[in-house]
PDB file of all heavy atoms in Angstrom:
ATOM      1  N   PHE A   1       7.300  -9.368  23.063  1.00  0.00           N
ATOM      2  CA  PHE A   1       6.043  -8.721  23.459  1.00  0.00           C
ATOM      3  C   PHE A   1       5.404  -8.003  22.266  1.00  0.00           C
ATOM      4  O   PHE A   1       4.210  -8.153  22.002  1.00  0.00           O
ATOM      5  CB  PHE A   1       6.276  -7.745  24.611  1.00  0.00           C
ATOM      6  CG  PHE A   1       5.012  -7.088  25.090  1.00  0.00           C
ATOM      7  CD1 PHE A   1       4.162  -7.753  25.961  1.00  0.00           C
ATOM      8  CD2 PHE A   1       4.656  -5.821  24.651  1.00  0.00           C
ATOM      9  CE1 PHE A   1       2.988  -7.159  26.386  1.00  0.00           C
ATOM     10  CE2 PHE A   1       3.484  -5.223  25.072  1.00  0.00           C
ATOM     11  CZ  PHE A   1       2.651  -5.894  25.947  1.00  0.00           C
ATOM     12  N   CYS A   2       6.186  -7.227  21.534  1.00  0.00           N
ATOM     13  CA  CYS A   2       5.644  -6.476  20.389  1.00  0.00           C
ATOM     14  C   CYS A   2       5.193  -7.399  19.270  1.00  0.00           C
ATOM     15  O   CYS A   2       4.167  -7.140  18.624  1.00  0.00           O
ATOM     16  CB  CYS A   2       6.679  -5.472  19.881  1.00  0.00           C
ATOM     17  SG  CYS A   2       6.953  -4.100  21.022  1.00  0.00           S
ATOM     18  N   LEU A   3       5.915  -8.486  19.037  1.00  0.00           N
ATOM     19  CA  LEU A   3       5.478  -9.452  18.024  1.00  0.00           C
ATOM     20  C   LEU A   3       4.146 -10.087  18.395  1.00  0.00           C
ATOM     21  O   LEU A   3       3.257 -10.225  17.558  1.00  0.00           O
ATOM     22  CB  LEU A   3       6.534 -10.544  17.825  1.00  0.00           C
ATOM     23  CG  LEU A   3       7.647 -10.232  16.853  1.00  0.00           C
ATOM     24  CD1 LEU A   3       8.736 -11.297  16.922  1.00  0.00           C
ATOM     25  CD2 LEU A   3       7.121 -10.126  15.436  1.00  0.00           C
ATOM     26  N   VAL A   4       4.012 -10.458  19.651  1.00  0.00           N
ATOM     27  CA  VAL A   4       2.762 -11.066  20.100  1.00  0.00           C
ATOM     28  C   VAL A   4       1.609 -10.075  19.938  1.00  0.00           C
ATOM     29  O   VAL A   4       0.535 -10.425  19.442  1.00  0.00           O
ATOM     30  CB  VAL A   4       2.896 -11.555  21.561  1.00  0.00           C
ATOM     31  CG1 VAL A   4       1.547 -11.899  22.161  1.00  0.00           C
ATOM     32  CG2 VAL A   4       3.818 -12.760  21.633  1.00  0.00           C
ATOM     33  N   GLN A   5       1.830  -8.833  20.336  1.00  0.00           N
ATOM     34  CA  GLN A   5       0.778  -7.819  20.204  1.00  0.00           C
ATOM     35  C   GLN A   5       0.478  -7.533  18.729  1.00  0.00           C
ATOM     36  O   GLN A   5      -0.682  -7.357  18.358  1.00  0.00           O
ATOM     37  CB  GLN A   5       1.193  -6.532  20.919  1.00  0.00           C
ATOM     38  CG  GLN A   5       1.235  -6.657  22.429  1.00  0.00           C
ATOM     39  CD  GLN A   5      -0.123  -7.002  23.003  1.00  0.00           C
ATOM     40  OE1 GLN A   5      -1.127  -6.389  22.677  1.00  0.00           O
ATOM     41  NE2 GLN A   5      -0.154  -8.019  23.849  1.00  0.00           N
ATOM     42  N   GLY A   6       1.507  -7.470  17.894  1.00  0.00           N
ATOM     43  CA  GLY A   6       1.306  -7.245  16.472  1.00  0.00           C
ATOM     44  C   GLY A   6       0.516  -8.368  15.822  1.00  0.00           C
ATOM     45  O   GLY A   6      -0.357  -8.138  14.982  1.00  0.00           O
ATOM     46  N   MET A   7       0.813  -9.600  16.217  1.00  0.00           N
ATOM     47  CA  MET A   7       0.103 -10.753  15.667  1.00  0.00           C
ATOM     48  C   MET A   7      -1.364 -10.738  16.069  1.00  0.00           C
ATOM     49  O   MET A   7      -2.222 -11.215  15.322  1.00  0.00           O
ATOM     50  CB  MET A   7       0.748 -12.054  16.143  1.00  0.00           C
ATOM     51  CG  MET A   7       2.074 -12.345  15.507  1.00  0.00           C
ATOM     52  SD  MET A   7       1.911 -12.846  13.805  1.00  0.00           S
ATOM     53  CE  MET A   7       1.174 -14.447  14.031  1.00  0.00           C
ATOM     54  N   LYS A   8      -1.665 -10.211  17.251  1.00  0.00           N
ATOM     55  CA  LYS A   8      -3.049 -10.111  17.695  1.00  0.00           C
ATOM     56  C   LYS A   8      -3.848  -9.195  16.773  1.00  0.00           C
ATOM     57  O   LYS A   8      -5.023  -9.398  16.558  1.00  0.00           O
ATOM     58  CB  LYS A   8      -3.100  -9.501  19.099  1.00  0.00           C
ATOM     59  CG  LYS A   8      -3.268 -10.437  20.208  1.00  0.00           C
ATOM     60  CD  LYS A   8      -3.488  -9.609  21.467  1.00  0.00           C
ATOM     61  CE  LYS A   8      -3.387 -10.434  22.691  1.00  0.00           C
ATOM     62  NZ  LYS A   8      -3.558  -9.646  23.905  1.00  0.00           N
ATOM     63  N   ARG A   9      -3.188  -8.166  16.281  1.00  0.00           N
ATOM     64  CA  ARG A   9      -3.869  -7.112  15.545  1.00  0.00           C
ATOM     65  C   ARG A   9      -3.750  -7.229  14.025  1.00  0.00           C
ATOM     66  O   ARG A   9      -4.492  -6.581  13.302  1.00  0.00           O
ATOM     67  CB  ARG A   9      -3.338  -5.761  16.006  1.00  0.00           C
ATOM     68  CG  ARG A   9      -3.754  -5.454  17.442  1.00  0.00           C
ATOM     69  CD  ARG A   9      -2.866  -4.410  18.082  1.00  0.00           C
ATOM     70  NE  ARG A   9      -3.341  -4.020  19.395  1.00  0.00           N
ATOM     71  CZ  ARG A   9      -3.157  -4.707  20.505  1.00  0.00           C
ATOM     72  NH1 ARG A   9      -2.497  -5.848  20.468  1.00  0.00           N
ATOM     73  NH2 ARG A   9      -3.619  -4.271  21.660  1.00  0.00           N
ATOM     74  N   LEU A  10      -2.803  -8.028  13.557  1.00  0.00           N
ATOM     75  CA  LEU A  10      -2.564  -8.176  12.125  1.00  0.00           C
ATOM     76  C   LEU A  10      -2.515  -9.658  11.776  1.00  0.00           C
ATOM     77  O   LEU A  10      -2.268 -10.495  12.633  1.00  0.00           O
ATOM     78  CB  LEU A  10      -1.217  -7.543  11.742  1.00  0.00           C
ATOM     79  CG  LEU A  10      -0.996  -6.087  12.129  1.00  0.00           C
ATOM     80  CD1 LEU A  10       0.460  -5.705  11.895  1.00  0.00           C
ATOM     81  CD2 LEU A  10      -1.925  -5.179  11.351  1.00  0.00           C
ATOM     82  N   ALA A  11      -2.704  -9.975  10.534  1.00  0.00           N
ATOM     83  CA  ALA A  11      -2.526 -11.360  10.081  1.00  0.00           C
ATOM     84  C   ALA A  11      -1.037 -11.710  10.158  1.00  0.00           C
ATOM     85  O   ALA A  11      -0.182 -10.824  10.076  1.00  0.00           O
ATOM     86  CB  ALA A  11      -3.035 -11.509   8.650  1.00  0.00           C
ATOM     87  N   PRO A  12      -0.698 -13.000  10.331  1.00  0.00           N
ATOM     88  CA  PRO A  12       0.711 -13.373  10.484  1.00  0.00           C
ATOM     89  C   PRO A  12       1.622 -12.870   9.359  1.00  0.00           C
ATOM     90  O   PRO A  12       2.685 -12.324   9.618  1.00  0.00           O
ATOM     91  CB  PRO A  12       0.668 -14.905  10.506  1.00  0.00           C
ATOM     92  CG  PRO A  12      -0.691 -15.238  11.002  1.00  0.00           C
ATOM     93  CD  PRO A  12      -1.590 -14.147  10.481  1.00  0.00           C
ATOM     94  N   THR A  13       1.204 -13.035   8.122  1.00  0.00           N
ATOM     95  CA  THR A  13       2.062 -12.623   7.012  1.00  0.00           C
ATOM     96  C   THR A  13       2.269 -11.115   7.009  1.00  0.00           C
ATOM     97  O   THR A  13       3.379 -10.628   6.787  1.00  0.00           O
ATOM     98  CB  THR A  13       1.455 -13.070   5.669  1.00  0.00           C
ATOM     99  OG1 THR A  13       1.220 -14.472   5.729  1.00  0.00           O
ATOM    100  CG2 THR A  13       2.372 -12.762   4.509  1.00  0.00           C
ATOM    101  N   TYR A  14       1.226 -10.385   7.263  1.00  0.00           N
ATOM    102  CA  TYR A  14       1.315  -8.925   7.288  1.00  0.00           C
ATOM    103  C   TYR A  14       2.206  -8.464   8.445  1.00  0.00           C
ATOM    104  O   TYR A  14       3.080  -7.614   8.272  1.00  0.00           O
ATOM    105  CB  TYR A  14      -0.091  -8.333   7.390  1.00  0.00           C
ATOM    106  CG  TYR A  14      -0.142  -6.832   7.292  1.00  0.00           C
ATOM    107  CD1 TYR A  14       0.518  -6.151   6.281  1.00  0.00           C
ATOM    108  CD2 TYR A  14      -0.874  -6.092   8.202  1.00  0.00           C
ATOM    109  CE1 TYR A  14       0.459  -4.769   6.187  1.00  0.00           C
ATOM    110  CE2 TYR A  14      -0.943  -4.719   8.110  1.00  0.00           C
ATOM    111  CZ  TYR A  14      -0.274  -4.061   7.107  1.00  0.00           C
ATOM    112  OH  TYR A  14      -0.328  -2.695   7.020  1.00  0.00           O
ATOM    113  N   ALA A  15       2.015  -9.049   9.622  1.00  0.00           N
ATOM    114  CA  ALA A  15       2.820  -8.667  10.780  1.00  0.00           C
ATOM    115  C   ALA A  15       4.302  -8.943  10.536  1.00  0.00           C
ATOM    116  O   ALA A  15       5.157  -8.086  10.777  1.00  0.00           O
ATOM    117  CB  ALA A  15       2.341  -9.412  12.028  1.00  0.00           C
ATOM    118  N   ILE A  16       4.622 -10.119  10.037  1.00  0.00           N
ATOM    119  CA  ILE A  16       6.017 -10.464   9.774  1.00  0.00           C
ATOM    120  C   ILE A  16       6.598  -9.571   8.695  1.00  0.00           C
ATOM    121  O   ILE A  16       7.752  -9.144   8.764  1.00  0.00           O
ATOM    122  CB  ILE A  16       6.149 -11.953   9.386  1.00  0.00           C
ATOM    123  CG1 ILE A  16       5.860 -12.839  10.594  1.00  0.00           C
ATOM    124  CG2 ILE A  16       7.530 -12.268   8.828  1.00  0.00           C
ATOM    125  CD1 ILE A  16       6.835 -12.692  11.738  1.00  0.00           C
ATOM    126  N   SER A  17       5.810  -9.243   7.676  1.00  0.00           N
ATOM    127  CA  SER A  17       6.283  -8.349   6.613  1.00  0.00           C
ATOM    128  C   SER A  17       6.662  -6.982   7.171  1.00  0.00           C
ATOM    129  O   SER A  17       7.698  -6.416   6.812  1.00  0.00           O
ATOM    130  CB  SER A  17       5.210  -8.182   5.541  1.00  0.00           C
ATOM    131  OG  SER A  17       4.919  -9.401   4.934  1.00  0.00           O
ATOM    132  N   VAL A  18       5.830  -6.467   8.034  1.00  0.00           N
ATOM    133  CA  VAL A  18       6.108  -5.159   8.639  1.00  0.00           C
ATOM    134  C   VAL A  18       7.349  -5.246   9.519  1.00  0.00           C
ATOM    135  O   VAL A  18       8.228  -4.379   9.481  1.00  0.00           O
ATOM    136  CB  VAL A  18       4.882  -4.649   9.424  1.00  0.00           C
ATOM    137  CG1 VAL A  18       5.221  -3.397  10.214  1.00  0.00           C
ATOM    138  CG2 VAL A  18       3.715  -4.380   8.475  1.00  0.00           C
ATOM    139  N   VAL A  19       7.441  -6.302  10.318  1.00  0.00           N
ATOM    140  CA  VAL A  19       8.602  -6.489  11.199  1.00  0.00           C
ATOM    141  C   VAL A  19       9.893  -6.569  10.390  1.00  0.00           C
ATOM    142  O   VAL A  19      10.888  -5.890  10.702  1.00  0.00           O
ATOM    143  CB  VAL A  19       8.435  -7.760  12.074  1.00  0.00           C
ATOM    144  CG1 VAL A  19       9.737  -8.141  12.750  1.00  0.00           C
ATOM    145  CG2 VAL A  19       7.340  -7.556  13.105  1.00  0.00           C
ATOM    146  N   LEU A  20       9.898  -7.374   9.353  1.00  0.00           N
ATOM    147  CA  LEU A  20      11.120  -7.537   8.560  1.00  0.00           C
ATOM    148  C   LEU A  20      11.494  -6.265   7.817  1.00  0.00           C
ATOM    149  O   LEU A  20      12.674  -5.945   7.664  1.00  0.00           O
ATOM    150  CB  LEU A  20      10.975  -8.717   7.602  1.00  0.00           C
ATOM    151  CG  LEU A  20      10.869 -10.084   8.286  1.00  0.00           C
ATOM    152  CD1 LEU A  20      10.677 -11.189   7.262  1.00  0.00           C
ATOM    153  CD2 LEU A  20      12.075 -10.366   9.158  1.00  0.00           C
ATOM    154  N   THR A  21      10.502  -5.512   7.368  1.00  0.00           N
ATOM    155  CA  THR A  21      10.788  -4.239   6.711  1.00  0.00           C
ATOM    156  C   THR A  21      11.381  -3.242   7.705  1.00  0.00           C
ATOM    157  O   THR A  21      12.346  -2.541   7.389  1.00  0.00           O
ATOM    158  CB  THR A  21       9.513  -3.671   6.068  1.00  0.00           C
ATOM    159  OG1 THR A  21       9.011  -4.631   5.148  1.00  0.00           O
ATOM    160  CG2 THR A  21       9.799  -2.381   5.341  1.00  0.00           C
ATOM    161  N   ALA A  22      10.806  -3.188   8.894  1.00  0.00           N
ATOM    162  CA  ALA A  22      11.355  -2.307   9.929  1.00  0.00           C
ATOM    163  C   ALA A  22      12.770  -2.730  10.292  1.00  0.00           C
ATOM    164  O   ALA A  22      13.658  -1.889  10.493  1.00  0.00           O
ATOM    165  CB  ALA A  22      10.454  -2.323  11.166  1.00  0.00           C
ATOM    166  N   GLN A  23      13.001  -4.027  10.351  1.00  0.00           N
ATOM    167  CA  GLN A  23      14.331  -4.550  10.651  1.00  0.00           C
ATOM    168  C   GLN A  23      15.322  -4.146   9.561  1.00  0.00           C
ATOM    169  O   GLN A  23      16.431  -3.695   9.856  1.00  0.00           O
ATOM    170  CB  GLN A  23      14.258  -6.067  10.789  1.00  0.00           C
ATOM    171  CG  GLN A  23      15.532  -6.716  11.235  1.00  0.00           C
ATOM    172  CD  GLN A  23      15.370  -8.218  11.424  1.00  0.00           C
ATOM    173  OE1 GLN A  23      14.296  -8.778  11.222  1.00  0.00           O
ATOM    174  NE2 GLN A  23      16.447  -8.872  11.800  1.00  0.00           N
ATOM    175  N   LEU A  24      14.926  -4.292   8.325  1.00  0.00           N
ATOM    176  CA  LEU A  24      15.798  -3.935   7.210  1.00  0.00           C
ATOM    177  C   LEU A  24      16.081  -2.438   7.184  1.00  0.00           C
ATOM    178  O   LEU A  24      17.222  -2.010   7.015  1.00  0.00           O
ATOM    179  CB  LEU A  24      15.174  -4.385   5.886  1.00  0.00           C
ATOM    180  CG  LEU A  24      15.979  -4.110   4.626  1.00  0.00           C
ATOM    181  CD1 LEU A  24      17.319  -4.830   4.666  1.00  0.00           C
ATOM    182  CD2 LEU A  24      15.189  -4.529   3.405  1.00  0.00           C
ATOM    183  N   GLY A  25      15.046  -1.637   7.364  1.00  0.00           N
ATOM    184  CA  GLY A  25      15.226  -0.183   7.367  1.00  0.00           C
ATOM    185  C   GLY A  25      16.121   0.288   8.499  1.00  0.00           C
ATOM    186  O   GLY A  25      16.997   1.139   8.316  1.00  0.00           O
ATOM    187  N   THR A  26      15.924  -0.279   9.683  1.00  0.00           N
ATOM    188  CA  THR A  26      16.750   0.079  10.831  1.00  0.00           C
ATOM    189  C   THR A  26      18.193  -0.367  10.629  1.00  0.00           C
ATOM    190  O   THR A  26      19.131   0.380  10.940  1.00  0.00           O
ATOM    191  CB  THR A  26      16.168  -0.545  12.118  1.00  0.00           C
ATOM    192  OG1 THR A  26      14.816  -0.117  12.263  1.00  0.00           O
ATOM    193  CG2 THR A  26      16.957  -0.125  13.338  1.00  0.00           C
ATOM    194  N   ALA A  27      18.381  -1.565  10.102  1.00  0.00           N
ATOM    195  CA  ALA A  27      19.741  -2.046   9.827  1.00  0.00           C
ATOM    196  C   ALA A  27      20.437  -1.157   8.808  1.00  0.00           C
ATOM    197  O   ALA A  27      21.633  -0.851   8.952  1.00  0.00           O
ATOM    198  CB  ALA A  27      19.691  -3.494   9.330  1.00  0.00           C
ATOM    199  N   LEU A  28      19.711  -0.720   7.796  1.00  0.00           N
ATOM    200  CA  LEU A  28      20.271   0.192   6.794  1.00  0.00           C
ATOM    201  C   LEU A  28      20.715   1.503   7.450  1.00  0.00           C
ATOM    202  O   LEU A  28      21.815   1.995   7.180  1.00  0.00           O
ATOM    203  CB  LEU A  28      19.243   0.468   5.686  1.00  0.00           C
ATOM    204  CG  LEU A  28      19.636   1.492   4.629  1.00  0.00           C
ATOM    205  CD1 LEU A  28      20.873   1.038   3.866  1.00  0.00           C
ATOM    206  CD2 LEU A  28      18.467   1.734   3.673  1.00  0.00           C
ATOM    207  N   LEU A  29      19.887   2.013   8.326  1.00  0.00           N
ATOM    208  CA  LEU A  29      20.232   3.253   9.036  1.00  0.00           C
ATOM    209  C   LEU A  29      21.475   3.061   9.898  1.00  0.00           C
ATOM    210  O   LEU A  29      22.417   3.858   9.840  1.00  0.00           O
ATOM    211  CB  LEU A  29      19.050   3.706   9.899  1.00  0.00           C
ATOM    212  CG  LEU A  29      19.278   4.938  10.758  1.00  0.00           C
ATOM    213  CD1 LEU A  29      19.426   6.173   9.884  1.00  0.00           C
ATOM    214  CD2 LEU A  29      18.141   5.115  11.743  1.00  0.00           C
ATOM    215  N   TRP A  30      21.505   2.001  10.697  1.00  0.00           N
ATOM    216  CA  TRP A  30      22.638   1.786  11.597  1.00  0.00           C
ATOM    217  C   TRP A  30      23.920   1.484  10.831  1.00  0.00           C
ATOM    218  O   TRP A  30      24.992   1.921  11.227  1.00  0.00           O
ATOM    219  CB  TRP A  30      22.325   0.679  12.601  1.00  0.00           C
ATOM    220  CG  TRP A  30      21.306   1.113  13.621  1.00  0.00           C
ATOM    221  CD1 TRP A  30      20.842   2.391  13.820  1.00  0.00           C
ATOM    222  CD2 TRP A  30      20.634   0.302  14.555  1.00  0.00           C
ATOM    223  NE1 TRP A  30      19.915   2.388  14.821  1.00  0.00           N
ATOM    224  CE2 TRP A  30      19.772   1.116  15.300  1.00  0.00           C
ATOM    225  CE3 TRP A  30      20.667  -1.043  14.837  1.00  0.00           C
ATOM    226  CZ2 TRP A  30      18.957   0.641  16.311  1.00  0.00           C
ATOM    227  CZ3 TRP A  30      19.851  -1.523  15.846  1.00  0.00           C
ATOM    228  CH2 TRP A  30      19.016  -0.686  16.576  1.00  0.00           C
ATOM    229  N   ASP A  31      23.810   0.710   9.759  1.00  0.00           N
ATOM    230  CA  ASP A  31      24.992   0.453   8.921  1.00  0.00           C
ATOM    231  C   ASP A  31      25.517   1.753   8.323  1.00  0.00           C
ATOM    232  O   ASP A  31      26.721   2.001   8.305  1.00  0.00           O
ATOM    233  CB  ASP A  31      24.661  -0.510   7.778  1.00  0.00           C
ATOM    234  CG  ASP A  31      24.690  -1.969   8.191  1.00  0.00           C
ATOM    235  OD1 ASP A  31      25.219  -2.275   9.284  1.00  0.00           O
ATOM    236  OD2 ASP A  31      24.192  -2.799   7.416  1.00  0.00           O
ATOM    237  N   SER A  32      24.606   2.556   7.817  1.00  0.00           N
ATOM    238  CA  SER A  32      25.007   3.798   7.149  1.00  0.00           C
ATOM    239  C   SER A  32      25.637   4.799   8.119  1.00  0.00           C
ATOM    240  O   SER A  32      26.519   5.560   7.737  1.00  0.00           O
ATOM    241  CB  SER A  32      23.801   4.452   6.471  1.00  0.00           C
ATOM    242  OG  SER A  32      23.270   3.595   5.485  1.00  0.00           O
ATOM    243  N   LEU A  33      25.181   4.785   9.368  1.00  0.00           N
ATOM    244  CA  LEU A  33      25.709   5.717  10.355  1.00  0.00           C
ATOM    245  C   LEU A  33      26.854   5.125  11.173  1.00  0.00           C
ATOM    246  O   LEU A  33      27.518   5.849  11.909  1.00  0.00           O
ATOM    247  CB  LEU A  33      24.588   6.189  11.281  1.00  0.00           C
ATOM    248  CG  LEU A  33      23.467   6.980  10.588  1.00  0.00           C
ATOM    249  CD1 LEU A  33      22.339   7.266  11.560  1.00  0.00           C
ATOM    250  CD2 LEU A  33      24.000   8.269   9.983  1.00  0.00           C
ATOM    251  N   GLY A  34      27.045   3.817  11.073  1.00  0.00           N
ATOM    252  CA  GLY A  34      28.104   3.170  11.839  1.00  0.00           C
ATOM    253  C   GLY A  34      27.830   3.157  13.339  1.00  0.00           C
ATOM    254  O   GLY A  34      28.747   3.177  14.142  1.00  0.00           O
ATOM    255  N   TRP A  35      26.566   3.083  13.716  1.00  0.00           N
ATOM    256  CA  TRP A  35      26.190   3.083  15.127  1.00  0.00           C
ATOM    257  C   TRP A  35      26.522   1.751  15.799  1.00  0.00           C
ATOM    258  O   TRP A  35      26.673   0.722  15.152  1.00  0.00           O
ATOM    259  CB  TRP A  35      24.708   3.343  15.284  1.00  0.00           C
ATOM    260  CG  TRP A  35      24.290   4.758  15.012  1.00  0.00           C
ATOM    261  CD1 TRP A  35      25.101   5.824  14.716  1.00  0.00           C
ATOM    262  CD2 TRP A  35      22.964   5.261  14.981  1.00  0.00           C
ATOM    263  NE1 TRP A  35      24.353   6.947  14.514  1.00  0.00           N
ATOM    264  CE2 TRP A  35      23.041   6.639  14.671  1.00  0.00           C
ATOM    265  CE3 TRP A  35      21.718   4.695  15.179  1.00  0.00           C
ATOM    266  CZ2 TRP A  35      21.916   7.439  14.573  1.00  0.00           C
ATOM    267  CZ3 TRP A  35      20.600   5.492  15.077  1.00  0.00           C
ATOM    268  CH2 TRP A  35      20.697   6.844  14.786  1.00  0.00           C
ATOM    269  N   LEU A  36      26.601   1.776  17.112  1.00  0.00           N
ATOM    270  CA  LEU A  36      26.802   0.596  17.954  1.00  0.00           C
ATOM    271  C   LEU A  36      28.050  -0.191  17.579  1.00  0.00           C
ATOM    272  O   LEU A  36      28.098  -1.412  17.684  1.00  0.00           O
ATOM    273  CB  LEU A  36      25.568  -0.318  17.912  1.00  0.00           C
ATOM    274  CG  LEU A  36      24.251   0.326  18.361  1.00  0.00           C
ATOM    275  CD1 LEU A  36      23.092  -0.625  18.146  1.00  0.00           C
ATOM    276  CD2 LEU A  36      24.328   0.757  19.822  1.00  0.00           C
ATOM    277  N   GLY A  37      29.063   0.507  17.116  1.00  0.00           N
ATOM    278  CA  GLY A  37      30.333  -0.124  16.799  1.00  0.00           C
ATOM    279  C   GLY A  37      30.352  -0.850  15.464  1.00  0.00           C
ATOM    280  O   GLY A  37      31.288  -1.595  15.180  1.00  0.00           O
ATOM    281  N   LEU A  38      29.336  -0.644  14.641  1.00  0.00           N
ATOM    282  CA  LEU A  38      29.308  -1.287  13.327  1.00  0.00           C
ATOM    283  C   LEU A  38      30.249  -0.563  12.373  1.00  0.00           C
ATOM    284  O   LEU A  38      30.474   0.638  12.496  1.00  0.00           O
ATOM    285  CB  LEU A  38      27.897  -1.249  12.740  1.00  0.00           C
ATOM    286  CG  LEU A  38      26.825  -2.031  13.492  1.00  0.00           C
ATOM    287  CD1 LEU A  38      25.460  -1.777  12.874  1.00  0.00           C
ATOM    288  CD2 LEU A  38      27.145  -3.519  13.475  1.00  0.00           C
TER     289      LEU A  38
END
């Protein structure tokens, strides 16, 4: 749902760039904190 809405409002490359950056930042946080059994 959020990807579809993001694509409506942003160009595909920009939307995917933001998504992947958020994914990387969140993964870094969860890895560093050891959340969710990581």
